C-alpha atoms as a PDB file:
ATOM      1  CA  MET A   1     -23.338   9.257   0.722  1.00  0.00           C
ATOM      2  CA  ARG A   2     -22.080   6.448  -1.480  1.00  0.00           C
ATOM      3  CA  ASN A   3     -18.451   6.273  -2.603  1.00  0.00           C
ATOM      4  CA  ALA A   4     -16.981   4.825  -5.786  1.00  0.00           C
ATOM      5  CA  LEU A   5     -15.630   1.291  -5.576  1.00  0.00           C
ATOM      6  CA  THR A   6     -13.363   0.496  -8.517  1.00  0.00           C
ATOM      7  CA  ILE A   7     -11.385  -2.570  -9.582  1.00  0.00           C
ATOM      8  CA  ASP A   8      -8.574  -2.327 -12.150  1.00  0.00           C
ATOM      9  CA  VAL A   9      -8.763  -5.648 -13.985  1.00  0.00           C
ATOM     10  CA  GLU A  10      -5.253  -6.650 -14.992  1.00  0.00           C
ATOM     11  CA  ASP A  11      -3.043  -9.656 -14.308  1.00  0.00           C
ATOM     12  CA  TYR A  12      -0.167  -9.779 -11.847  1.00  0.00           C
ATOM     13  CA  PHE A  13       2.537  -9.694 -14.555  1.00  0.00           C
ATOM     14  CA  GLN A  14       1.110  -6.628 -16.301  1.00  0.00           C
ATOM     15  CA  VAL A  15       1.693  -4.050 -13.572  1.00  0.00           C
ATOM     16  CA  SER A  16       3.910  -1.016 -14.062  1.00  0.00           C
ATOM     17  CA  ALA A  17       6.098  -2.078 -11.126  1.00  0.00           C
ATOM     18  CA  PHE A  18       7.409  -4.897 -13.342  1.00  0.00           C
ATOM     19  CA  ARG A  19       7.662  -2.931 -16.593  1.00  0.00           C
ATOM     20  CA  ASP A  20      11.479  -3.168 -16.576  1.00  0.00           C
ATOM     21  CA  HIS A  21      11.413  -6.901 -15.830  1.00  0.00           C
ATOM     22  CA  VAL A  22       8.525  -8.248 -17.936  1.00  0.00           C
ATOM     23  CA  ASP A  23       8.345  -7.510 -21.655  1.00  0.00           C
ATOM     24  CA  TYR A  24       4.890  -6.838 -23.091  1.00  0.00           C
ATOM     25  CA  ARG A  25       5.684  -9.253 -25.929  1.00  0.00           C
ATOM     26  CA  ASP A  26       6.109 -12.064 -23.384  1.00  0.00           C
ATOM     27  CA  TRP A  27       2.774 -11.635 -21.614  1.00  0.00           C
ATOM     28  CA  ASP A  28       1.145 -14.594 -23.331  1.00  0.00           C
ATOM     29  CA  GLY A  29       3.794 -16.866 -21.828  1.00  0.00           C
ATOM     30  CA  PHE A  30       2.752 -16.217 -18.228  1.00  0.00           C
ATOM     31  CA  GLU A  31       0.187 -18.165 -16.247  1.00  0.00           C
ATOM     32  CA  SER A  32      -3.013 -16.121 -16.301  1.00  0.00           C
ATOM     33  CA  ARG A  33      -4.873 -15.781 -12.999  1.00  0.00           C
ATOM     34  CA  VAL A  34      -7.041 -12.765 -13.794  1.00  0.00           C
ATOM     35  CA  VAL A  35     -10.337 -14.604 -14.361  1.00  0.00           C
ATOM     36  CA  ALA A  36     -10.208 -16.550 -11.103  1.00  0.00           C
ATOM     37  CA  ASN A  37      -9.037 -13.514  -9.155  1.00  0.00           C
ATOM     38  CA  THR A  38     -11.713 -11.240 -10.624  1.00  0.00           C
ATOM     39  CA  ARG A  39     -14.387 -13.802  -9.774  1.00  0.00           C
ATOM     40  CA  ARG A  40     -12.995 -13.913  -6.258  1.00  0.00           C
ATOM     41  CA  VAL A  41     -13.485 -10.153  -6.003  1.00  0.00           C
ATOM     42  CA  MET A  42     -17.033 -10.390  -7.354  1.00  0.00           C
ATOM     43  CA  ASP A  43     -17.887 -13.175  -4.929  1.00  0.00           C
ATOM     44  CA  LEU A  44     -16.633 -11.053  -2.050  1.00  0.00           C
ATOM     45  CA  LEU A  45     -18.712  -8.082  -3.277  1.00  0.00           C
ATOM     46  CA  ASP A  46     -21.760 -10.328  -3.569  1.00  0.00           C
ATOM     47  CA  GLU A  47     -21.338 -11.293   0.080  1.00  0.00           C
ATOM     48  CA  ALA A  48     -21.277  -7.590   0.999  1.00  0.00           C
ATOM     49  CA  SER A  49     -24.162  -6.706  -1.389  1.00  0.00           C
ATOM     50  CA  VAL A  50     -21.944  -4.148  -3.120  1.00  0.00           C
ATOM     51  CA  LYS A  51     -21.599  -3.296  -6.805  1.00  0.00           C
ATOM     52  CA  GLY A  52     -18.577  -1.577  -8.319  1.00  0.00           C
ATOM     53  CA  THR A  53     -16.879  -0.397 -11.484  1.00  0.00           C
ATOM     54  CA  PHE A  54     -14.414  -2.758 -13.146  1.00  0.00           C
ATOM     55  CA  PHE A  55     -11.871  -0.970 -15.358  1.00  0.00           C
ATOM     56  CA  VAL A  56     -11.002  -3.847 -17.686  1.00  0.00           C
ATOM     57  CA  LEU A  57      -7.752  -3.989 -19.635  1.00  0.00           C
ATOM     58  CA  GLY A  58      -8.368  -4.518 -23.357  1.00  0.00           C
ATOM     59  CA  TRP A  59      -5.600  -7.114 -23.590  1.00  0.00           C
ATOM     60  CA  VAL A  60      -7.421  -9.162 -20.962  1.00  0.00           C
ATOM     61  CA  ALA A  61     -10.815  -8.708 -22.621  1.00  0.00           C
ATOM     62  CA  GLU A  62      -9.425  -9.845 -25.958  1.00  0.00           C
ATOM     63  CA  ARG A  63      -8.068 -13.096 -24.517  1.00  0.00           C
ATOM     64  CA  LYS A  64     -10.805 -13.686 -21.929  1.00  0.00           C
ATOM     65  CA  PRO A  65     -13.926 -12.485 -23.782  1.00  0.00           C
ATOM     66  CA  ALA A  66     -16.363 -13.983 -21.287  1.00  0.00           C
ATOM     67  CA  LEU A  67     -14.961 -12.012 -18.343  1.00  0.00           C
ATOM     68  CA  ALA A  68     -16.361  -8.563 -19.170  1.00  0.00           C
ATOM     69  CA  ARG A  69     -19.715 -10.159 -19.999  1.00  0.00           C
ATOM     70  CA  GLU A  70     -19.729 -11.887 -16.613  1.00  0.00           C
ATOM     71  CA  ILE A  71     -18.849  -8.661 -14.799  1.00  0.00           C
ATOM     72  CA  ASP A  72     -21.734  -6.928 -16.569  1.00  0.00           C
ATOM     73  CA  ALA A  73     -24.142  -9.824 -15.979  1.00  0.00           C
ATOM     74  CA  ARG A  74     -23.388  -9.769 -12.252  1.00  0.00           C
ATOM     75  CA  GLY A  75     -24.549  -6.154 -12.048  1.00  0.00           C
ATOM     76  CA  HIS A  76     -21.263  -4.263 -12.060  1.00  0.00           C
ATOM     77  CA  GLU A  77     -20.219  -1.428 -14.341  1.00  0.00           C
ATOM     78  CA  VAL A  78     -17.671  -2.279 -17.042  1.00  0.00           C
ATOM     79  CA  ALA A  79     -15.261   0.572 -17.822  1.00  0.00           C
ATOM     80  CA  CYS A  80     -12.030   0.839 -19.823  1.00  0.00           C
ATOM     81  CA  HIS A  81      -8.450   0.530 -18.566  1.00  0.00           C
ATOM     82  CA  GLY A  82      -6.846   1.007 -21.975  1.00  0.00           C
ATOM     83  CA  PHE A  83      -5.458  -1.891 -23.963  1.00  0.00           C
ATOM     84  CA  SER A  84      -1.826  -2.672 -23.166  1.00  0.00           C
ATOM     85  CA  HIS A  85      -1.259  -1.034 -19.751  1.00  0.00           C
ATOM     86  CA  GLN A  86       1.557   1.047 -21.152  1.00  0.00           C
ATOM     87  CA  LEU A  87       2.319   4.411 -19.542  1.00  0.00           C
ATOM     88  CA  ILE A  88       0.750   7.098 -21.717  1.00  0.00           C
ATOM     89  CA  TYR A  89       3.836   9.299 -21.609  1.00  0.00           C
ATOM     90  CA  ARG A  90       5.736   6.449 -23.274  1.00  0.00           C
ATOM     91  CA  GLN A  91       3.271   6.381 -26.166  1.00  0.00           C
ATOM     92  CA  SER A  92       2.590   8.695 -29.064  1.00  0.00           C
ATOM     93  CA  ALA A  93      -0.807  10.368 -29.274  1.00  0.00           C
ATOM     94  CA  ALA A  94      -1.642   8.147 -32.257  1.00  0.00           C
ATOM     95  CA  GLN A  95      -0.747   4.973 -30.356  1.00  0.00           C
ATOM     96  CA  PHE A  96      -2.808   6.040 -27.386  1.00  0.00           C
ATOM     97  CA  ARG A  97      -5.798   6.912 -29.524  1.00  0.00           C
ATOM     98  CA  ASP A  98      -5.677   3.627 -31.441  1.00  0.00           C
ATOM     99  CA  GLU A  99      -5.336   1.508 -28.297  1.00  0.00           C
ATOM    100  CA  THR A 100      -8.026   3.388 -26.399  1.00  0.00           C
ATOM    101  CA  GLU A 101     -10.582   3.212 -29.186  1.00  0.00           C
ATOM    102  CA  ARG A 102      -9.755  -0.460 -29.749  1.00  0.00           C
ATOM    103  CA  ALA A 103     -10.275  -1.330 -26.084  1.00  0.00           C
ATOM    104  CA  LYS A 104     -13.501   0.670 -25.797  1.00  0.00           C
ATOM    105  CA  LYS A 105     -15.052  -0.975 -28.851  1.00  0.00           C
ATOM    106  CA  LEU A 106     -13.972  -4.430 -27.700  1.00  0.00           C
ATOM    107  CA  LEU A 107     -15.665  -4.017 -24.320  1.00  0.00           C
ATOM    108  CA  GLU A 108     -18.787  -2.518 -25.840  1.00  0.00           C
ATOM    109  CA  ASP A 109     -19.085  -5.369 -28.301  1.00  0.00           C
ATOM    110  CA  GLN A 110     -18.728  -7.899 -25.486  1.00  0.00           C
ATOM    111  CA  CYS A 111     -21.209  -6.254 -23.108  1.00  0.00           C
ATOM    112  CA  GLY A 112     -23.660  -4.762 -25.580  1.00  0.00           C
ATOM    113  CA  ARG A 113     -23.714  -1.383 -23.860  1.00  0.00           C
ATOM    114  CA  ALA A 114     -21.775   1.875 -23.923  1.00  0.00           C
ATOM    115  CA  VAL A 115     -18.564   2.084 -21.913  1.00  0.00           C
ATOM    116  CA  ARG A 116     -18.718   5.405 -20.120  1.00  0.00           C
ATOM    117  CA  GLY A 117     -15.554   5.551 -18.024  1.00  0.00           C
ATOM    118  CA  TYR A 118     -11.780   5.328 -18.439  1.00  0.00           C
ATOM    119  CA  ARG A 119      -8.754   4.969 -16.172  1.00  0.00           C
ATOM    120  CA  ALA A 120      -5.180   5.236 -17.428  1.00  0.00           C
ATOM    121  CA  ALA A 121      -2.487   2.693 -16.649  1.00  0.00           C
ATOM    122  CA  SER A 122      -0.795   3.809 -13.428  1.00  0.00           C
ATOM    123  CA  PHE A 123      -2.689   7.114 -13.554  1.00  0.00           C
ATOM    124  CA  SER A 124      -0.320   8.249 -16.311  1.00  0.00           C
ATOM    125  CA  ILE A 125      -2.281  11.311 -17.399  1.00  0.00           C
ATOM    126  CA  VAL A 126       0.188  13.889 -16.124  1.00  0.00           C
ATOM    127  CA  ASP A 127       1.028  17.448 -17.158  1.00  0.00           C
ATOM    128  CA  SER A 128       2.826  16.285 -20.307  1.00  0.00           C
ATOM    129  CA  THR A 129      -0.076  14.047 -21.353  1.00  0.00           C
ATOM    130  CA  ARG A 130      -3.088  16.281 -20.696  1.00  0.00           C
ATOM    131  CA  TRP A 131      -3.802  15.879 -24.414  1.00  0.00           C
ATOM    132  CA  ALA A 132      -5.055  12.385 -23.531  1.00  0.00           C
ATOM    133  CA  LEU A 133      -8.182  13.970 -22.017  1.00  0.00           C
ATOM    134  CA  ASP A 134      -9.080  15.319 -25.459  1.00  0.00           C
ATOM    135  CA  VAL A 135      -8.645  11.850 -26.935  1.00  0.00           C
ATOM    136  CA  LEU A 136     -10.965  10.412 -24.285  1.00  0.00           C
ATOM    137  CA  ALA A 137     -13.637  13.036 -24.932  1.00  0.00           C
ATOM    138  CA  GLU A 138     -13.401  12.509 -28.694  1.00  0.00           C
ATOM    139  CA  ALA A 139     -13.662   8.726 -28.203  1.00  0.00           C
ATOM    140  CA  GLY A 140     -17.004   9.206 -26.451  1.00  0.00           C
ATOM    141  CA  PHE A 141     -16.086   8.642 -22.818  1.00  0.00           C
ATOM    142  CA  GLU A 142     -18.244  10.533 -20.337  1.00  0.00           C
ATOM    143  CA  TYR A 143     -15.846  10.418 -17.409  1.00  0.00           C
ATOM    144  CA  ASP A 144     -12.226   9.769 -16.500  1.00  0.00           C
ATOM    145  CA  SER A 145     -10.631   8.664 -13.232  1.00  0.00           C
ATOM    146  CA  SER A 146      -6.907   8.959 -13.964  1.00  0.00           C
ATOM    147  CA  LEU A 147      -5.776  12.173 -12.275  1.00  0.00           C
ATOM    148  CA  PHE A 148      -3.896  11.613  -9.021  1.00  0.00           C
ATOM    149  CA  PRO A 149      -3.039  14.854  -7.178  1.00  0.00           C
ATOM    150  CA  VAL A 150       0.150  13.612  -5.493  1.00  0.00           C
ATOM    151  CA  ARG A 151       3.818  13.431  -6.426  1.00  0.00           C
ATOM    152  CA  HIS A 152       5.034   9.951  -7.321  1.00  0.00           C
ATOM    153  CA  ASP A 153       7.741   8.570  -9.588  1.00  0.00           C
ATOM    154  CA  LEU A 154       5.110   7.253 -12.018  1.00  0.00           C
ATOM    155  CA  TYR A 155       2.284   9.789 -11.766  1.00  0.00           C
ATOM    156  CA  GLY A 156       0.996  13.011 -10.241  1.00  0.00           C
ATOM    157  CA  ILE A 157      -0.860  16.091 -11.459  1.00  0.00           C
ATOM    158  CA  ASP A 158      -2.664  19.118 -10.069  1.00  0.00           C
ATOM    159  CA  VAL A 159      -6.461  19.053 -10.264  1.00  0.00           C
ATOM    160  CA  GLU A 160      -9.075  21.791 -10.304  1.00  0.00           C
ATOM    161  CA  SER A 161     -10.989  20.144  -7.465  1.00  0.00           C
ATOM    162  CA  ALA A 162     -10.508  17.158  -5.176  1.00  0.00           C
ATOM    163  CA  ALA A 163     -14.207  16.378  -5.661  1.00  0.00           C
ATOM    164  CA  PRO A 164     -15.698  14.889  -8.827  1.00  0.00           C
ATOM    165  CA  HIS A 165     -16.091  17.745 -11.292  1.00  0.00           C
ATOM    166  CA  ARG A 166     -16.558  18.649 -14.922  1.00  0.00           C
ATOM    167  CA  LEU A 167     -13.435  19.932 -16.664  1.00  0.00           C
ATOM    168  CA  THR A 168     -12.739  21.529 -20.003  1.00  0.00           C
ATOM    169  CA  THR A 169      -9.952  19.960 -22.060  1.00  0.00           C
ATOM    170  CA  SER A 170      -7.325  21.925 -23.958  1.00  0.00           C
ATOM    171  CA  ARG A 171      -9.447  21.663 -27.117  1.00  0.00           C
ATOM    172  CA  GLY A 172     -12.579  22.842 -25.382  1.00  0.00           C
ATOM    173  CA  ALA A 173     -14.254  19.471 -24.864  1.00  0.00           C
ATOM    174  CA  SER A 174     -16.197  18.624 -21.705  1.00  0.00           C
ATOM    175  CA  LEU A 175     -15.317  15.612 -19.565  1.00  0.00           C
ATOM    176  CA  VAL A 176     -16.168  14.622 -16.008  1.00  0.00           C
ATOM    177  CA  GLU A 177     -13.172  13.843 -13.795  1.00  0.00           C
ATOM    178  CA  PHE A 178     -13.294  11.754 -10.618  1.00  0.00           C
ATOM    179  CA  PRO A 179      -9.758  12.318  -9.262  1.00  0.00           C
ATOM    180  CA  MET A 180      -8.083   9.809  -7.007  1.00  0.00           C
ATOM    181  CA  THR A 181      -8.633  10.532  -3.337  1.00  0.00           C
ATOM    182  CA  VAL A 182      -5.995  12.207  -1.186  1.00  0.00           C
ATOM    183  CA  ARG A 183      -6.129  13.731   2.272  1.00  0.00           C
ATOM    184  CA  LYS A 184      -3.914  16.655   3.210  1.00  0.00           C
ATOM    185  CA  VAL A 185      -1.971  16.131   6.427  1.00  0.00           C
ATOM    186  CA  LEU A 186       0.036  19.188   7.552  1.00  0.00           C
ATOM    187  CA  GLY A 187      -0.426  20.549   4.054  1.00  0.00           C
ATOM    188  CA  VAL A 188       0.959  17.449   2.347  1.00  0.00           C
ATOM    189  CA  PRO A 189      -1.391  15.381   0.135  1.00  0.00           C
ATOM    190  CA  VAL A 190      -1.477  11.795   1.401  1.00  0.00           C
ATOM    191  CA  PRO A 191      -2.847   9.211  -1.044  1.00  0.00           C
ATOM    192  CA  VAL A 192      -5.668   7.165   0.438  1.00  0.00           C
ATOM    193  CA  SER A 193      -7.421   5.760  -2.640  1.00  0.00           C
ATOM    194  CA  GLY A 194      -6.453   2.113  -2.239  1.00  0.00           C
ATOM    195  CA  GLY A 195      -4.086  -0.221  -4.048  1.00  0.00           C
ATOM    196  CA  GLY A 196      -0.631  -0.432  -2.553  1.00  0.00           C
ATOM    197  CA  TYR A 197      -1.443   2.357  -0.105  1.00  0.00           C
ATOM    198  CA  PHE A 198      -4.315   0.282   1.255  1.00  0.00           C
ATOM    199  CA  ARG A 199      -2.057  -2.717   1.741  1.00  0.00           C
ATOM    200  CA  LEU A 200       0.674  -0.625   3.338  1.00  0.00           C
ATOM    201  CA  TYR A 201      -1.411   1.482   5.753  1.00  0.00           C
ATOM    202  CA  PRO A 202      -3.054   0.031   8.852  1.00  0.00           C
ATOM    203  CA  LEU A 203      -6.799  -0.260   8.274  1.00  0.00           C
ATOM    204  CA  ALA A 204      -7.488   2.205  11.085  1.00  0.00           C
ATOM    205  CA  LEU A 205      -5.380   4.851   9.329  1.00  0.00           C
ATOM    206  CA  THR A 206      -7.100   4.330   5.979  1.00  0.00           C
ATOM    207  CA  SER A 207     -10.524   4.579   7.626  1.00  0.00           C
ATOM    208  CA  ALA A 208      -9.570   7.707   9.585  1.00  0.00           C
ATOM    209  CA  LEU A 209      -8.204   9.474   6.504  1.00  0.00           C
ATOM    210  CA  LEU A 210     -11.302   8.631   4.484  1.00  0.00           C
ATOM    211  CA  ARG A 211     -13.658   9.785   7.229  1.00  0.00           C
ATOM    212  CA  ALA A 212     -11.699  13.012   7.618  1.00  0.00           C
ATOM    213  CA  ARG A 213     -12.821  14.074   4.132  1.00  0.00           C
ATOM    214  CA  GLY A 214     -16.329  14.633   5.503  1.00  0.00           C
ATOM    215  CA  ASP A 215     -19.690  13.473   4.235  1.00  0.00           C
ATOM    216  CA  ASP A 216     -20.185  15.984   1.427  1.00  0.00           C
ATOM    217  CA  VAL A 217     -17.508  14.687  -1.002  1.00  0.00           C
ATOM    218  CA  PRO A 218     -17.465  11.064  -2.177  1.00  0.00           C
ATOM    219  CA  PHE A 219     -14.132   9.272  -2.333  1.00  0.00           C
ATOM    220  CA  VAL A 220     -12.863   6.702  -4.806  1.00  0.00           C
ATOM    221  CA  PHE A 221     -11.307   3.422  -3.760  1.00  0.00           C
ATOM    222  CA  TYR A 222      -9.433   1.102  -6.116  1.00  0.00           C
ATOM    223  CA  LEU A 223      -7.948  -2.377  -5.957  1.00  0.00           C
ATOM    224  CA  HIS A 224      -6.587  -5.011  -8.356  1.00  0.00           C
ATOM    225  CA  PRO A 225      -7.766  -8.631  -8.447  1.00  0.00           C
ATOM    226  CA  TRP A 226      -4.181  -9.851  -7.996  1.00  0.00           C
ATOM    227  CA  GLU A 227      -4.073  -8.082  -4.612  1.00  0.00           C
ATOM    228  CA  LEU A 228      -6.323 -10.845  -3.251  1.00  0.00           C
ATOM    229  CA  ASP A 229      -3.991 -13.555  -4.554  1.00  0.00           C
ATOM    230  CA  PRO A 230      -1.055 -14.131  -2.187  1.00  0.00           C
ATOM    231  CA  GLU A 231      -0.200 -17.391  -3.974  1.00  0.00           C
ATOM    232  CA  GLN A 232       0.514 -15.720  -7.327  1.00  0.00           C
ATOM    233  CA  PRO A 233       3.818 -16.611  -9.034  1.00  0.00           C
ATOM    234  CA  ARG A 234       6.738 -14.447  -7.950  1.00  0.00           C
ATOM    235  CA  ILE A 235       8.572 -12.364 -10.536  1.00  0.00           C
ATOM    236  CA  ALA A 236      12.291 -11.683 -10.284  1.00  0.00           C
ATOM    237  CA  ALA A 237      12.518  -7.916  -9.951  1.00  0.00           C
ATOM    238  CA  SER A 238      14.176  -5.130  -8.016  1.00  0.00           C
ATOM    239  CA  TRP A 239      13.631  -4.768  -4.286  1.00  0.00           C
ATOM    240  CA  LYS A 240      11.538  -1.645  -4.855  1.00  0.00           C
ATOM    241  CA  SER A 241       9.267  -3.377  -7.366  1.00  0.00           C
ATOM    242  CA  ARG A 242       8.797  -6.437  -5.164  1.00  0.00           C
ATOM    243  CA  PHE A 243       8.010  -4.230  -2.168  1.00  0.00           C
ATOM    244  CA  ARG A 244       5.346  -2.332  -4.101  1.00  0.00           C
ATOM    245  CA  HIS A 245       3.714  -5.454  -5.445  1.00  0.00           C
ATOM    246  CA  TYR A 246       3.927  -8.096  -2.725  1.00  0.00           C
ATOM    247  CA  THR A 247       3.642  -6.188   0.562  1.00  0.00           C
ATOM    248  CA  ASN A 248       0.744  -7.416   2.727  1.00  0.00           C
ATOM    249  CA  LEU A 249      -1.031  -9.457   0.061  1.00  0.00           C
ATOM    250  CA  ARG A 250      -2.160 -11.945   2.691  1.00  0.00           C
ATOM    251  CA  SER A 251      -4.003  -9.346   4.758  1.00  0.00           C
ATOM    252  CA  CYS A 252      -5.625  -7.488   1.860  1.00  0.00           C
ATOM    253  CA  GLU A 253      -8.834  -9.523   1.648  1.00  0.00           C
ATOM    254  CA  ARG A 254      -9.500  -9.223   5.364  1.00  0.00           C
ATOM    255  CA  LYS A 255      -8.977  -5.460   5.227  1.00  0.00           C
ATOM    256  CA  LEU A 256     -11.191  -5.114   2.167  1.00  0.00           C
ATOM    257  CA  ARG A 257     -14.041  -6.953   3.886  1.00  0.00           C
ATOM    258  CA  ALA A 258     -13.759  -4.583   6.825  1.00  0.00           C
ATOM    259  CA  LEU A 259     -13.692  -1.505   4.578  1.00  0.00           C
ATOM    260  CA  LEU A 260     -16.832  -2.642   2.757  1.00  0.00           C
ATOM    261  CA  ASP A 261     -18.534  -2.906   6.118  1.00  0.00           C
ATOM    262  CA  ARG A 262     -17.484   0.586   7.224  1.00  0.00           C
ATOM    263  CA  PHE A 263     -18.403   2.644   4.147  1.00  0.00           C
ATOM    264  CA  ARG A 264     -21.149   2.753   1.520  1.00  0.00           C
ATOM    265  CA  PHE A 265     -20.034   1.969  -2.027  1.00  0.00           C
ATOM    266  CA  ALA A 266     -21.463   1.965  -5.538  1.00  0.00           C
ATOM    267  CA  PRO A 267     -20.200   1.923  -9.147  1.00  0.00           C
ATOM    268  CA  MET A 268     -18.489   5.125 -10.202  1.00  0.00           C
ATOM    269  CA  ALA A 269     -21.137   6.004 -12.778  1.00  0.00           C
ATOM    270  CA  SER A 270     -23.838   5.699 -10.099  1.00  0.00           C
ATOM    271  CA  VAL A 271     -21.944   8.054  -7.789  1.00  0.00           C
ATOM    272  CA  LEU A 272     -21.512  10.567 -10.604  1.00  0.00           C
ATOM    273  CA  VAL A 273     -25.241  10.372 -11.330  1.00  0.00           C
ATOM    274  CA  GLU A 274     -25.931  11.123  -7.665  1.00  0.00           C
ATOM    275  CA  GLN A 275     -23.577  14.111  -7.946  1.00  0.00           C
ATOM    276  CA  GLY A 276     -25.524  15.393 -10.951  1.00  0.00           C
ATOM    277  CA  LEU A 277     -22.519  15.156 -13.260  1.00  0.00           C
ATOM    278  CA  ILE A 278     -23.760  12.511 -15.725  1.00  0.00           C
ATOM    279  CA  LYS A 279     -27.169  11.164 -16.695  1.00  0.00           C
ATOM    280  CA  ALA A 280     -28.572   7.950 -15.319  1.00  0.00           C
ATOM    281  CA  ASP A 281     -29.249   6.177 -18.587  1.00  0.00           C
ATOM    282  CA  PRO A 282     -26.210   5.497 -20.795  1.00  0.00           C
ATOM    283  CA  ALA A 283     -26.578   5.605 -24.547  1.00  0.00           C
ATOM    284  CA  PRO A 284     -26.579   2.198 -26.274  1.00  0.00           C
ATOM    285  CA  ALA A 285     -23.280   0.973 -27.637  1.00  0.00           C
ATOM    286  CA  SER A 286     -22.611   1.611 -31.311  1.00  0.00           C
ATOM    287  CA  PRO A 287     -23.146  -1.453 -33.514  1.00  0.00           C
END
């Protein structure tokens, strides 16, 4: 069985861990490293003969218009990570809708094909923002991968199933959900989807937790391009924020190479096709 490999394409200064230290209005003043870091990820995937899904931030696509086209040209799936990486529960429904539709259209115009998938900034579709699923369905997305069934200070929500599944939104729309992967240990859900958890856990623990899910349910793994960049500029922030962002950056690439060797991966849309949840051929992007 193939599992979903996903990359959240955002720059190091745009992460939620620094939201209280870096103002959105100042983003253009930071050194951008996202293009080089994303190419580094793609080069690594080429070496492993693996394709993945790249959830691209609209803000990045607007300023680096060749990046999404390159991701697409190199055989990966381009999906949407919103526009401004703001937590949804800090936005109004109108703001979220406008930003989401703007980012989707931007990526579709750049790649010339429909964008099928979405992932929220910091998995911020929670109980109070379930209405966002209706917005996604109305915007034409076929699947979402934003629900994280754990408890965290930024995110967490109960899901109908730990496996990819089709859900019905509060307004009766249909949307496929690929929830973030957790493994229950003594009844407690332990996150094992990637990101900071991947950098923090020993590789043997990550591998054991993923294998413990069995072979009948695919898992999702995610990473950010900046996690392969230990030389990135340091941002003055709280101890907690620096711990979340900088821990084990130097070992992340080595661990990722090993993980790619231990498991079978594919773009998220391909995995959902194999699960019979979406069709193989996406509709063409709207002109």
